[in-house]
Amino acid sequence: MTPFAYHLAQDVPSAVALARQPRTVRFLGGGTNLVDLMRETIEQPEVLVDVTGLSTDITATSDGGVRIGAAAKNSAVAADRHIRERFPMLALALLSGASGQIRNMATVGGNILQRTRCGYFYDRAARCNKRQPGAGCDAIDGLNRNHAVLGASPACVATHPSDMCVALAALDAIVHVQGPEAARTVALADLHRLPGERPDIEHVLGPDELIVAVEIPGLPFAAASTYRKVRDRSSYAFALVSVAAALDIEDGLVRDVRLALGGVAHKPWRAWKAEALLRGAPATQANFQAAAGAELADAIGLRDNGFKIELARRTIAAVLANLANQTGARA
């Protein structure tokens, strides 16, 4: 591991100020991703600014939503009463990720900004445009079973590994950011970038901007939401495909819907096309399948991961059908 300086931030302004220096600075949350990357010399920051003691509160908001401090632990968020009652898809997504020990360490802000788990990114002997722009991408012609089928580019086919972010994207979450000059907000669905020609630029934040909180607006029908993760093992495995969904049905018609996918793209994938097709349509299996097909219409499989396209279609339709049945039973 490369030597580095360490600073424990006392508050948000001091953390942001510490990040404003000519040396390479990284904010340190739980360290469950960054420290691993430092051990492998993939990340080599010269300065670490520890923000684990900042903004840990989880508070209900007046509109029925919730505000989550960026330093809140994943396990604390999953166990919070407001989250479990109002946004169960988020609790389920968090409990689907990693292991209990990691969830006890990992923070919300760190989860949002974690880097890909692509094996070629971690292998310094492999070509990786995310690690070294212009080097090439060995995943495209290599072992790519876990890689992207949506939004990829000739430069990168890696996927975003977070479960939590898929639920946050579906819930229209807003990320509160503090920079050296001012605070701003960014929609979670807009925070991460698709790879394009610069997969090394993964999000829209500046190097001295700090995530301080995530806010989920009130959404009454999210109380019946869910998260399904399809993976190779029942625990401690990344998603092949995951679906976060909430469905509002009235008189047999879809009044509103929220839908996002994980494991299929470089960022949490909000299923805008499927949502648009479903709103106002009868809540039928045929329509769920049609909406899923429309969302996956532009998907492109690689040698090893073409199965993900059909898997995603079936998972979307199955999750929506289950929600529709539950909604009907409560009515």
C-alpha atoms as a PDB file:
ATOM      1  CA  MET A   1       0.000   0.000   0.000  1.00  0.00           C
ATOM      2  CA  THR A   2       1.297   3.433  -0.924  1.00  0.00           C
ATOM      3  CA  PRO A   3       1.949   5.760   2.074  1.00  0.00           C
ATOM      4  CA  PHE A   4      -0.730   8.415   2.630  1.00  0.00           C
ATOM      5  CA  ALA A   5      -1.664  11.213   5.009  1.00  0.00           C
ATOM      6  CA  TYR A   6      -4.774  10.813   7.168  1.00  0.00           C
ATOM      7  CA  HIS A   7      -7.118  13.495   8.495  1.00  0.00           C
ATOM      8  CA  LEU A   8     -10.191  12.997  10.655  1.00  0.00           C
ATOM      9  CA  ALA A   9     -12.768  15.594   9.596  1.00  0.00           C
ATOM     10  CA  GLN A  10     -14.582  17.349  12.431  1.00  0.00           C
ATOM     11  CA  ASP A  11     -17.400  18.727  10.296  1.00  0.00           C
ATOM     12  CA  VAL A  12     -18.505  19.036   6.669  1.00  0.00           C
ATOM     13  CA  PRO A  13     -16.802  22.406   5.953  1.00  0.00           C
ATOM     14  CA  SER A  14     -13.455  21.159   7.256  1.00  0.00           C
ATOM     15  CA  ALA A  15     -13.771  17.936   5.249  1.00  0.00           C
ATOM     16  CA  VAL A  16     -14.379  19.884   2.049  1.00  0.00           C
ATOM     17  CA  ALA A  17     -11.530  22.276   2.869  1.00  0.00           C
ATOM     18  CA  LEU A  18      -9.142  19.356   3.403  1.00  0.00           C
ATOM     19  CA  ALA A  19     -10.022  18.056  -0.048  1.00  0.00           C
ATOM     20  CA  ARG A  20      -8.868  21.315  -1.675  1.00  0.00           C
ATOM     21  CA  GLN A  21      -5.178  20.681  -2.147  1.00  0.00           C
ATOM     22  CA  PRO A  22      -2.927  19.738  -5.073  1.00  0.00           C
ATOM     23  CA  ARG A  23      -2.416  16.204  -3.809  1.00  0.00           C
ATOM     24  CA  THR A  24      -4.792  13.322  -4.649  1.00  0.00           C
ATOM     25  CA  VAL A  25      -7.474  13.243  -1.955  1.00  0.00           C
ATOM     26  CA  ARG A  26     -10.178  10.676  -1.246  1.00  0.00           C
ATOM     27  CA  PHE A  27     -12.970  10.817   1.304  1.00  0.00           C
ATOM     28  CA  LEU A  28     -12.964   7.716   3.521  1.00  0.00           C
ATOM     29  CA  GLY A  29     -16.258   6.263   4.735  1.00  0.00           C
ATOM     30  CA  GLY A  30     -16.436   2.667   5.873  1.00  0.00           C
ATOM     31  CA  GLY A  31     -13.505   1.789   3.614  1.00  0.00           C
ATOM     32  CA  THR A  32     -15.041  -1.467   2.438  1.00  0.00           C
ATOM     33  CA  ASN A  33     -14.260  -0.579  -1.184  1.00  0.00           C
ATOM     34  CA  LEU A  34     -11.581   2.118  -1.080  1.00  0.00           C
ATOM     35  CA  VAL A  35      -9.226   0.264   1.274  1.00  0.00           C
ATOM     36  CA  ASP A  36      -9.411  -2.859  -0.905  1.00  0.00           C
ATOM     37  CA  LEU A  37      -8.528  -0.768  -3.958  1.00  0.00           C
ATOM     38  CA  MET A  38      -5.631   0.817  -2.095  1.00  0.00           C
ATOM     39  CA  ARG A  39      -4.268  -2.587  -1.112  1.00  0.00           C
ATOM     40  CA  GLU A  40      -4.339  -3.606  -4.760  1.00  0.00           C
ATOM     41  CA  THR A  41      -2.729  -0.247  -5.712  1.00  0.00           C
ATOM     42  CA  ILE A  42      -5.666   0.484  -8.027  1.00  0.00           C
ATOM     43  CA  GLU A  43      -6.373   3.589  -5.964  1.00  0.00           C
ATOM     44  CA  GLN A  44      -3.320   5.458  -4.676  1.00  0.00           C
ATOM     45  CA  PRO A  45      -4.544   8.565  -2.845  1.00  0.00           C
ATOM     46  CA  GLU A  46      -1.977  10.751  -1.148  1.00  0.00           C
ATOM     47  CA  VAL A  47      -4.485  11.992   1.424  1.00  0.00           C
ATOM     48  CA  LEU A  48      -7.472  10.341   3.124  1.00  0.00           C
ATOM     49  CA  VAL A  49     -10.119  12.514   4.767  1.00  0.00           C
ATOM     50  CA  ASP A  50     -12.137  10.407   7.219  1.00  0.00           C
ATOM     51  CA  VAL A  51     -15.814  11.456   7.176  1.00  0.00           C
ATOM     52  CA  THR A  52     -17.254   8.534   9.130  1.00  0.00           C
ATOM     53  CA  GLY A  53     -18.285  10.730  12.053  1.00  0.00           C
ATOM     54  CA  LEU A  54     -20.337  13.136   9.959  1.00  0.00           C
ATOM     55  CA  SER A  55     -24.065  13.181   9.102  1.00  0.00           C
ATOM     56  CA  THR A  56     -25.243   9.835  10.486  1.00  0.00           C
ATOM     57  CA  ASP A  57     -28.853  10.759  11.290  1.00  0.00           C
ATOM     58  CA  ILE A  58     -31.878   9.112   9.668  1.00  0.00           C
ATOM     59  CA  THR A  59     -34.906  11.394   9.998  1.00  0.00           C
ATOM     60  CA  ALA A  60     -38.445  11.400   8.656  1.00  0.00           C
ATOM     61  CA  THR A  61     -39.411  14.448   6.594  1.00  0.00           C
ATOM     62  CA  SER A  62     -42.684  16.361   6.609  1.00  0.00           C
ATOM     63  CA  ASP A  63     -43.777  15.015   3.200  1.00  0.00           C
ATOM     64  CA  GLY A  64     -43.586  11.398   4.340  1.00  0.00           C
ATOM     65  CA  GLY A  65     -40.085  10.877   3.041  1.00  0.00           C
ATOM     66  CA  VAL A  66     -36.789  10.387   4.820  1.00  0.00           C
ATOM     67  CA  ARG A  67     -33.384  12.048   4.929  1.00  0.00           C
ATOM     68  CA  ILE A  68     -30.372   9.794   5.464  1.00  0.00           C
ATOM     69  CA  GLY A  69     -26.981  11.103   6.503  1.00  0.00           C
ATOM     70  CA  ALA A  70     -24.190  10.009   4.166  1.00  0.00           C
ATOM     71  CA  ALA A  71     -22.211   8.497   7.020  1.00  0.00           C
ATOM     72  CA  ALA A  72     -25.113   6.322   8.205  1.00  0.00           C
ATOM     73  CA  LYS A  73     -24.208   2.644   8.137  1.00  0.00           C
ATOM     74  CA  ASN A  74     -25.983   0.395   5.654  1.00  0.00           C
ATOM     75  CA  SER A  75     -27.149  -1.882   8.466  1.00  0.00           C
ATOM     76  CA  ALA A  76     -28.623   1.052  10.394  1.00  0.00           C
ATOM     77  CA  VAL A  77     -30.569   2.224   7.353  1.00  0.00           C
ATOM     78  CA  ALA A  78     -31.900  -1.281   6.666  1.00  0.00           C
ATOM     79  CA  ALA A  79     -33.096  -1.576  10.267  1.00  0.00           C
ATOM     80  CA  ASP A  80     -34.645   1.888  10.527  1.00  0.00           C
ATOM     81  CA  ARG A  81     -38.401   1.854  11.188  1.00  0.00           C
ATOM     82  CA  HIS A  82     -39.210   4.627   8.712  1.00  0.00           C
ATOM     83  CA  ILE A  83     -37.298   2.857   5.950  1.00  0.00           C
ATOM     84  CA  ARG A  84     -38.848  -0.538   6.638  1.00  0.00           C
ATOM     85  CA  GLU A  85     -42.394   0.837   6.784  1.00  0.00           C
ATOM     86  CA  ARG A  86     -42.327   3.461   4.035  1.00  0.00           C
ATOM     87  CA  PHE A  87     -39.647   2.173   1.637  1.00  0.00           C
ATOM     88  CA  PRO A  88     -39.228  -1.588   2.098  1.00  0.00           C
ATOM     89  CA  MET A  89     -37.518  -1.914  -1.305  1.00  0.00           C
ATOM     90  CA  LEU A  90     -34.567   0.031   0.140  1.00  0.00           C
ATOM     91  CA  ALA A  91     -34.320  -2.140   3.247  1.00  0.00           C
ATOM     92  CA  LEU A  92     -34.501  -5.281   1.110  1.00  0.00           C
ATOM     93  CA  ALA A  93     -31.870  -3.959  -1.285  1.00  0.00           C
ATOM     94  CA  LEU A  94     -29.478  -3.185   1.546  1.00  0.00           C
ATOM     95  CA  LEU A  95     -29.988  -6.593   3.129  1.00  0.00           C
ATOM     96  CA  SER A  96     -29.270  -8.201  -0.248  1.00  0.00           C
ATOM     97  CA  GLY A  97     -25.826  -6.613  -0.420  1.00  0.00           C
ATOM     98  CA  ALA A  98     -22.504  -8.002   0.756  1.00  0.00           C
ATOM     99  CA  SER A  99     -22.481  -9.540   4.252  1.00  0.00           C
ATOM    100  CA  GLY A 100     -23.628  -8.506   7.706  1.00  0.00           C
ATOM    101  CA  GLN A 101     -20.090  -7.531   8.696  1.00  0.00           C
ATOM    102  CA  ILE A 102     -19.655  -5.326   5.634  1.00  0.00           C
ATOM    103  CA  ARG A 103     -23.080  -3.715   6.064  1.00  0.00           C
ATOM    104  CA  ASN A 104     -22.074  -2.814   9.624  1.00  0.00           C
ATOM    105  CA  MET A 105     -19.078  -0.885   8.243  1.00  0.00           C
ATOM    106  CA  ALA A 106     -20.239   0.430   4.869  1.00  0.00           C
ATOM    107  CA  THR A 107     -21.769   3.908   4.676  1.00  0.00           C
ATOM    108  CA  VAL A 108     -24.485   5.308   2.436  1.00  0.00           C
ATOM    109  CA  GLY A 109     -22.145   7.800   0.780  1.00  0.00           C
ATOM    110  CA  GLY A 110     -19.492   5.165   0.237  1.00  0.00           C
ATOM    111  CA  ASN A 111     -22.023   2.742  -1.212  1.00  0.00           C
ATOM    112  CA  ILE A 112     -23.132   5.352  -3.731  1.00  0.00           C
ATOM    113  CA  LEU A 113     -19.569   6.034  -4.863  1.00  0.00           C
ATOM    114  CA  GLN A 114     -18.189   2.505  -4.798  1.00  0.00           C
ATOM    115  CA  ARG A 115     -16.348   1.483  -7.913  1.00  0.00           C
ATOM    116  CA  THR A 116     -17.028  -1.443 -10.224  1.00  0.00           C
ATOM    117  CA  ARG A 117     -16.216  -4.999  -9.209  1.00  0.00           C
ATOM    118  CA  CYS A 118     -15.117  -5.912 -12.762  1.00  0.00           C
ATOM    119  CA  GLY A 119     -12.252  -8.378 -12.461  1.00  0.00           C
ATOM    120  CA  TYR A 120     -10.300  -6.657 -15.217  1.00  0.00           C
ATOM    121  CA  PHE A 121     -10.465  -3.371 -13.324  1.00  0.00           C
ATOM    122  CA  TYR A 122      -8.846  -5.046 -10.335  1.00  0.00           C
ATOM    123  CA  ASP A 123      -6.216  -6.868 -12.432  1.00  0.00           C
ATOM    124  CA  ARG A 124      -3.329  -4.524 -13.184  1.00  0.00           C
ATOM    125  CA  ALA A 125      -2.078  -6.962 -15.847  1.00  0.00           C
ATOM    126  CA  ALA A 126      -5.310  -6.509 -17.819  1.00  0.00           C
ATOM    127  CA  ARG A 127      -6.288  -3.674 -20.131  1.00  0.00           C
ATOM    128  CA  CYS A 128      -8.901  -1.427 -18.558  1.00  0.00           C
ATOM    129  CA  ASN A 129     -10.028   1.980 -19.778  1.00  0.00           C
ATOM    130  CA  LYS A 130     -11.563   2.731 -16.400  1.00  0.00           C
ATOM    131  CA  ARG A 131      -8.234   2.250 -14.663  1.00  0.00           C
ATOM    132  CA  GLN A 132      -6.047   3.611 -17.488  1.00  0.00           C
ATOM    133  CA  PRO A 133      -7.903   5.637 -20.148  1.00  0.00           C
ATOM    134  CA  GLY A 134      -7.006   4.551 -23.666  1.00  0.00           C
ATOM    135  CA  ALA A 135      -5.628   1.179 -22.620  1.00  0.00           C
ATOM    136  CA  GLY A 136      -8.523  -0.882 -24.015  1.00  0.00           C
ATOM    137  CA  CYS A 137     -11.075  -3.204 -22.420  1.00  0.00           C
ATOM    138  CA  ASP A 138     -10.206  -6.868 -21.978  1.00  0.00           C
ATOM    139  CA  ALA A 139     -13.700  -7.638 -20.678  1.00  0.00           C
ATOM    140  CA  ILE A 140     -15.290  -7.194 -24.109  1.00  0.00           C
ATOM    141  CA  ASP A 141     -13.627 -10.319 -25.518  1.00  0.00           C
ATOM    142  CA  GLY A 142     -12.902 -11.921 -22.155  1.00  0.00           C
ATOM    143  CA  LEU A 143     -14.952 -13.407 -19.341  1.00  0.00           C
ATOM    144  CA  ASN A 144     -17.979 -11.124 -19.355  1.00  0.00           C
ATOM    145  CA  ARG A 145     -20.828 -13.078 -17.776  1.00  0.00           C
ATOM    146  CA  ASN A 146     -21.421 -10.403 -15.142  1.00  0.00           C
ATOM    147  CA  HIS A 147     -21.102  -7.421 -17.433  1.00  0.00           C
ATOM    148  CA  ALA A 148     -23.464  -4.830 -18.893  1.00  0.00           C
ATOM    149  CA  VAL A 149     -26.152  -5.329 -21.510  1.00  0.00           C
ATOM    150  CA  LEU A 150     -27.523  -1.766 -21.376  1.00  0.00           C
ATOM    151  CA  GLY A 151     -25.749   1.549 -21.837  1.00  0.00           C
ATOM    152  CA  ALA A 152     -22.313   0.032 -22.435  1.00  0.00           C
ATOM    153  CA  SER A 153     -19.758   1.336 -24.944  1.00  0.00           C
ATOM    154  CA  PRO A 154     -16.719   0.019 -26.849  1.00  0.00           C
ATOM    155  CA  ALA A 155     -14.645   1.514 -24.034  1.00  0.00           C
ATOM    156  CA  CYS A 156     -16.279  -0.250 -21.068  1.00  0.00           C
ATOM    157  CA  VAL A 157     -18.867  -2.933 -20.283  1.00  0.00           C
ATOM    158  CA  ALA A 158     -18.570  -2.906 -16.484  1.00  0.00           C
ATOM    159  CA  THR A 159     -21.621  -2.782 -14.217  1.00  0.00           C
ATOM    160  CA  HIS A 160     -22.346  -0.716 -11.138  1.00  0.00           C
ATOM    161  CA  PRO A 161     -22.338  -3.094  -8.149  1.00  0.00           C
ATOM    162  CA  SER A 162     -24.666  -1.351  -5.697  1.00  0.00           C
ATOM    163  CA  ASP A 163     -28.000  -2.832  -4.634  1.00  0.00           C
ATOM    164  CA  MET A 164     -28.898   0.210  -2.554  1.00  0.00           C
ATOM    165  CA  CYS A 165     -28.522   2.595  -5.491  1.00  0.00           C
ATOM    166  CA  VAL A 166     -31.020   0.624  -7.580  1.00  0.00           C
ATOM    167  CA  ALA A 167     -33.694   1.192  -4.947  1.00  0.00           C
ATOM    168  CA  LEU A 168     -32.694   4.844  -4.538  1.00  0.00           C
ATOM    169  CA  ALA A 169     -32.950   5.379  -8.303  1.00  0.00           C
ATOM    170  CA  ALA A 170     -36.454   3.899  -8.333  1.00  0.00           C
ATOM    171  CA  LEU A 171     -37.479   6.103  -5.405  1.00  0.00           C
ATOM    172  CA  ASP A 172     -36.401   9.388  -7.055  1.00  0.00           C
ATOM    173  CA  ALA A 173     -33.820   9.937  -4.335  1.00  0.00           C
ATOM    174  CA  ILE A 174     -31.959  13.248  -4.231  1.00  0.00           C
ATOM    175  CA  VAL A 175     -28.291  13.423  -3.233  1.00  0.00           C
ATOM    176  CA  HIS A 176     -27.234  16.456  -1.189  1.00  0.00           C
ATOM    177  CA  VAL A 177     -23.686  17.544  -1.985  1.00  0.00           C
ATOM    178  CA  GLN A 178     -21.423  20.124  -0.368  1.00  0.00           C
ATOM    179  CA  GLY A 179     -18.646  21.699  -2.401  1.00  0.00           C
ATOM    180  CA  PRO A 180     -16.068  24.381  -1.608  1.00  0.00           C
ATOM    181  CA  GLU A 181     -18.254  27.164  -2.979  1.00  0.00           C
ATOM    182  CA  ALA A 182     -21.826  26.004  -2.438  1.00  0.00           C
ATOM    183  CA  ALA A 183     -24.205  23.158  -1.706  1.00  0.00           C
ATOM    184  CA  ARG A 184     -26.219  21.525  -4.472  1.00  0.00           C
ATOM    185  CA  THR A 185     -28.505  18.567  -5.096  1.00  0.00           C
ATOM    186  CA  VAL A 186     -28.283  15.858  -7.745  1.00  0.00           C
ATOM    187  CA  ALA A 187     -30.912  13.271  -8.607  1.00  0.00           C
ATOM    188  CA  LEU A 188     -29.509   9.832  -7.824  1.00  0.00           C
ATOM    189  CA  ALA A 189     -30.602   8.670 -11.272  1.00  0.00           C
ATOM    190  CA  ASP A 190     -28.366  11.393 -12.791  1.00  0.00           C
ATOM    191  CA  LEU A 191     -25.382  11.041 -10.455  1.00  0.00           C
ATOM    192  CA  HIS A 192     -23.606   8.155 -12.200  1.00  0.00           C
ATOM    193  CA  ARG A 193     -22.458   8.414 -15.809  1.00  0.00           C
ATOM    194  CA  LEU A 194     -22.637   5.899 -18.617  1.00  0.00           C
ATOM    195  CA  PRO A 195     -19.139   4.993 -19.842  1.00  0.00           C
ATOM    196  CA  GLY A 196     -19.058   6.574 -23.300  1.00  0.00           C
ATOM    197  CA  GLU A 197     -15.438   7.214 -24.251  1.00  0.00           C
ATOM    198  CA  ARG A 198     -14.392   8.082 -20.669  1.00  0.00           C
ATOM    199  CA  PRO A 199     -15.385   5.281 -18.317  1.00  0.00           C
ATOM    200  CA  ASP A 200     -12.836   6.540 -15.798  1.00  0.00           C
ATOM    201  CA  ILE A 201     -15.196   9.470 -15.106  1.00  0.00           C
ATOM    202  CA  GLU A 202     -17.862   7.611 -13.163  1.00  0.00           C
ATOM    203  CA  HIS A 203     -20.073  10.363 -11.718  1.00  0.00           C
ATOM    204  CA  VAL A 204     -20.840  14.058 -11.963  1.00  0.00           C
ATOM    205  CA  LEU A 205     -19.245  15.121  -8.657  1.00  0.00           C
ATOM    206  CA  GLY A 206     -16.092  17.171  -8.425  1.00  0.00           C
ATOM    207  CA  PRO A 207     -13.068  15.813  -6.529  1.00  0.00           C
ATOM    208  CA  ASP A 208     -13.703  18.217  -3.634  1.00  0.00           C
ATOM    209  CA  GLU A 209     -17.465  17.683  -3.404  1.00  0.00           C
ATOM    210  CA  LEU A 210     -18.764  15.620  -0.494  1.00  0.00           C
ATOM    211  CA  ILE A 211     -22.058  13.738  -0.317  1.00  0.00           C
ATOM    212  CA  VAL A 212     -23.660  14.787   2.967  1.00  0.00           C
ATOM    213  CA  ALA A 213     -27.120  13.191   2.759  1.00  0.00           C
ATOM    214  CA  VAL A 214     -29.633  11.366   0.613  1.00  0.00           C
ATOM    215  CA  GLU A 215     -33.274  12.410   0.658  1.00  0.00           C
ATOM    216  CA  ILE A 216     -36.147  10.212  -0.483  1.00  0.00           C
ATOM    217  CA  PRO A 217     -39.378  12.131  -1.180  1.00  0.00           C
ATOM    218  CA  GLY A 218     -42.647  10.822   0.159  1.00  0.00           C
ATOM    219  CA  LEU A 219     -44.267   8.176  -2.030  1.00  0.00           C
ATOM    220  CA  PRO A 220     -47.250   6.517  -0.329  1.00  0.00           C
ATOM    221  CA  PHE A 221     -47.461   3.487  -2.626  1.00  0.00           C
ATOM    222  CA  ALA A 222     -43.769   2.695  -1.971  1.00  0.00           C
ATOM    223  CA  ALA A 223     -44.939   1.132   1.300  1.00  0.00           C
ATOM    224  CA  ALA A 224     -45.749  -1.959  -0.793  1.00  0.00           C
ATOM    225  CA  SER A 225     -42.546  -1.890  -2.823  1.00  0.00           C
ATOM    226  CA  THR A 226     -40.028  -4.703  -3.208  1.00  0.00           C
ATOM    227  CA  TYR A 227     -36.531  -5.592  -4.389  1.00  0.00           C
ATOM    228  CA  ARG A 228     -35.570  -8.845  -6.057  1.00  0.00           C
ATOM    229  CA  LYS A 229     -31.969  -9.843  -6.671  1.00  0.00           C
ATOM    230  CA  VAL A 230     -31.073 -12.720  -8.984  1.00  0.00           C
ATOM    231  CA  ARG A 231     -27.557 -13.998  -8.341  1.00  0.00           C
ATOM    232  CA  ASP A 232     -25.404 -17.092  -8.459  1.00  0.00           C
ATOM    233  CA  ARG A 233     -25.376 -17.592  -4.675  1.00  0.00           C
ATOM    234  CA  SER A 234     -27.971 -16.851  -2.046  1.00  0.00           C
ATOM    235  CA  SER A 235     -25.640 -14.416  -0.274  1.00  0.00           C
ATOM    236  CA  TYR A 236     -22.449 -12.420  -0.763  1.00  0.00           C
ATOM    237  CA  ALA A 237     -22.756 -12.256  -4.543  1.00  0.00           C
ATOM    238  CA  PHE A 238     -23.346  -9.381  -6.946  1.00  0.00           C
ATOM    239  CA  ALA A 239     -26.540  -9.228  -8.964  1.00  0.00           C
ATOM    240  CA  LEU A 240     -26.823 -10.787 -12.369  1.00  0.00           C
ATOM    241  CA  VAL A 241     -30.087  -8.868 -12.558  1.00  0.00           C
ATOM    242  CA  SER A 242     -31.974  -7.015  -9.855  1.00  0.00           C
ATOM    243  CA  VAL A 243     -35.300  -5.181  -9.880  1.00  0.00           C
ATOM    244  CA  ALA A 244     -36.588  -2.483  -7.535  1.00  0.00           C
ATOM    245  CA  ALA A 245     -40.282  -1.843  -8.044  1.00  0.00           C
ATOM    246  CA  ALA A 246     -43.327  -0.098  -6.600  1.00  0.00           C
ATOM    247  CA  LEU A 247     -46.764  -0.325  -8.168  1.00  0.00           C
ATOM    248  CA  ASP A 248     -49.935   1.690  -7.590  1.00  0.00           C
ATOM    249  CA  ILE A 249     -53.113   0.115  -9.016  1.00  0.00           C
ATOM    250  CA  GLU A 250     -56.635   1.541  -9.026  1.00  0.00           C
ATOM    251  CA  ASP A 251     -59.644  -0.161 -10.634  1.00  0.00           C
ATOM    252  CA  GLY A 252     -57.354  -2.596 -12.419  1.00  0.00           C
ATOM    253  CA  LEU A 253     -55.236   0.155 -14.020  1.00  0.00           C
ATOM    254  CA  VAL A 254     -51.662   1.151 -13.220  1.00  0.00           C
ATOM    255  CA  ARG A 255     -52.003   4.595 -11.697  1.00  0.00           C
ATOM    256  CA  ASP A 256     -48.269   4.944 -11.044  1.00  0.00           C
ATOM    257  CA  VAL A 257     -45.125   2.832 -11.025  1.00  0.00           C
ATOM    258  CA  ARG A 258     -41.453   3.040 -10.103  1.00  0.00           C
ATOM    259  CA  LEU A 259     -38.959   0.627 -11.649  1.00  0.00           C
ATOM    260  CA  ALA A 260     -35.175   0.365 -11.710  1.00  0.00           C
ATOM    261  CA  LEU A 261     -32.697  -2.366 -12.644  1.00  0.00           C
ATOM    262  CA  GLY A 262     -29.315  -3.415 -11.304  1.00  0.00           C
ATOM    263  CA  GLY A 263     -26.581  -5.680 -12.622  1.00  0.00           C
ATOM    264  CA  VAL A 264     -27.256  -4.681 -16.233  1.00  0.00           C
ATOM    265  CA  ALA A 265     -25.532  -1.327 -16.742  1.00  0.00           C
ATOM    266  CA  HIS A 266     -22.701   0.983 -15.748  1.00  0.00           C
ATOM    267  CA  LYS A 267     -25.153   2.810 -13.463  1.00  0.00           C
ATOM    268  CA  PRO A 268     -28.402   1.989 -11.676  1.00  0.00           C
ATOM    269  CA  TRP A 269     -30.818   1.758 -14.596  1.00  0.00           C
ATOM    270  CA  ARG A 270     -34.110   3.621 -14.186  1.00  0.00           C
ATOM    271  CA  ALA A 271     -36.656   1.898 -16.438  1.00  0.00           C
ATOM    272  CA  TRP A 272     -38.265   5.036 -17.841  1.00  0.00           C
ATOM    273  CA  LYS A 273     -39.607   3.336 -20.982  1.00  0.00           C
ATOM    274  CA  ALA A 274     -41.330   0.582 -19.045  1.00  0.00           C
ATOM    275  CA  GLU A 275     -42.834   3.047 -16.588  1.00  0.00           C
ATOM    276  CA  ALA A 276     -44.228   5.216 -19.373  1.00  0.00           C
ATOM    277  CA  LEU A 277     -45.887   2.230 -21.057  1.00  0.00           C
ATOM    278  CA  LEU A 278     -47.430   0.969 -17.834  1.00  0.00           C
ATOM    279  CA  ARG A 279     -48.986   4.196 -16.527  1.00  0.00           C
ATOM    280  CA  GLY A 280     -52.681   4.139 -17.340  1.00  0.00           C
ATOM    281  CA  ALA A 281     -52.543   0.609 -18.749  1.00  0.00           C
ATOM    282  CA  PRO A 282     -54.352  -2.449 -17.360  1.00  0.00           C
ATOM    283  CA  ALA A 283     -52.285  -4.227 -14.720  1.00  0.00           C
ATOM    284  CA  THR A 284     -51.980  -7.499 -16.659  1.00  0.00           C
ATOM    285  CA  GLN A 285     -49.214 -10.012 -17.129  1.00  0.00           C
ATOM    286  CA  ALA A 286     -49.203  -9.272 -20.854  1.00  0.00           C
ATOM    287  CA  ASN A 287     -48.615  -5.577 -20.235  1.00  0.00           C
ATOM    288  CA  PHE A 288     -45.897  -6.268 -17.678  1.00  0.00           C
ATOM    289  CA  GLN A 289     -44.128  -8.464 -20.216  1.00  0.00           C
ATOM    290  CA  ALA A 290     -44.546  -5.868 -22.966  1.00  0.00           C
ATOM    291  CA  ALA A 291     -43.130  -3.104 -20.769  1.00  0.00           C
ATOM    292  CA  ALA A 292     -40.166  -5.258 -19.806  1.00  0.00           C
ATOM    293  CA  GLY A 293     -39.536  -6.055 -23.458  1.00  0.00           C
ATOM    294  CA  ALA A 294     -39.614  -2.383 -24.392  1.00  0.00           C
ATOM    295  CA  GLU A 295     -37.106  -1.517 -21.686  1.00  0.00           C
ATOM    296  CA  LEU A 296     -34.721  -4.239 -22.886  1.00  0.00           C
ATOM    297  CA  ALA A 297     -35.220  -3.581 -26.605  1.00  0.00           C
ATOM    298  CA  ASP A 298     -31.826  -1.900 -26.959  1.00  0.00           C
ATOM    299  CA  ALA A 299     -29.934  -4.395 -24.809  1.00  0.00           C
ATOM    300  CA  ILE A 300     -26.849  -5.971 -26.371  1.00  0.00           C
ATOM    301  CA  GLY A 301     -25.394  -9.180 -25.021  1.00  0.00           C
ATOM    302  CA  LEU A 302     -21.749 -10.203 -25.079  1.00  0.00           C
ATOM    303  CA  ARG A 303     -20.402 -13.705 -25.542  1.00  0.00           C
ATOM    304  CA  ASP A 304     -21.172 -14.842 -21.988  1.00  0.00           C
ATOM    305  CA  ASN A 305     -23.984 -12.596 -20.773  1.00  0.00           C
ATOM    306  CA  GLY A 306     -26.708 -12.643 -23.429  1.00  0.00           C
ATOM    307  CA  PHE A 307     -28.886 -14.618 -21.028  1.00  0.00           C
ATOM    308  CA  LYS A 308     -29.194 -11.494 -18.869  1.00  0.00           C
ATOM    309  CA  ILE A 309     -31.572  -9.907 -21.370  1.00  0.00           C
ATOM    310  CA  GLU A 310     -34.218 -12.603 -21.064  1.00  0.00           C
ATOM    311  CA  LEU A 311     -33.523 -12.953 -17.351  1.00  0.00           C
ATOM    312  CA  ALA A 312     -34.179  -9.245 -16.871  1.00  0.00           C
ATOM    313  CA  ARG A 313     -37.406  -9.409 -18.905  1.00  0.00           C
ATOM    314  CA  ARG A 314     -38.747 -12.305 -16.883  1.00  0.00           C
ATOM    315  CA  THR A 315     -37.696 -10.830 -13.541  1.00  0.00           C
ATOM    316  CA  ILE A 316     -39.339  -7.472 -14.261  1.00  0.00           C
ATOM    317  CA  ALA A 317     -42.607  -9.138 -15.296  1.00  0.00           C
ATOM    318  CA  ALA A 318     -42.596 -11.508 -12.323  1.00  0.00           C
ATOM    319  CA  VAL A 319     -41.898  -8.766  -9.774  1.00  0.00           C
ATOM    320  CA  LEU A 320     -44.654  -6.539 -11.183  1.00  0.00           C
ATOM    321  CA  ALA A 321     -47.134  -9.441 -11.255  1.00  0.00           C
ATOM    322  CA  ASN A 322     -46.406 -10.241  -7.619  1.00  0.00           C
ATOM    323  CA  LEU A 323     -46.887  -6.616  -6.621  1.00  0.00           C
ATOM    324  CA  ALA A 324     -50.158  -6.495  -8.583  1.00  0.00           C
ATOM    325  CA  ASN A 325     -51.427  -9.588  -6.771  1.00  0.00           C
ATOM    326  CA  GLN A 326     -50.481  -8.132  -3.398  1.00  0.00           C
ATOM    327  CA  THR A 327     -52.182  -4.841  -4.222  1.00  0.00           C
ATOM    328  CA  GLY A 328     -55.325  -6.677  -5.310  1.00  0.00           C
ATOM    329  CA  ALA A 329     -55.354  -8.766  -2.146  1.00  0.00           C
ATOM    330  CA  ARG A 330     -55.143  -5.652   0.057  1.00  0.00           C
ATOM    331  CA  ALA A 331     -57.910  -3.953  -1.910  1.00  0.00           C
END
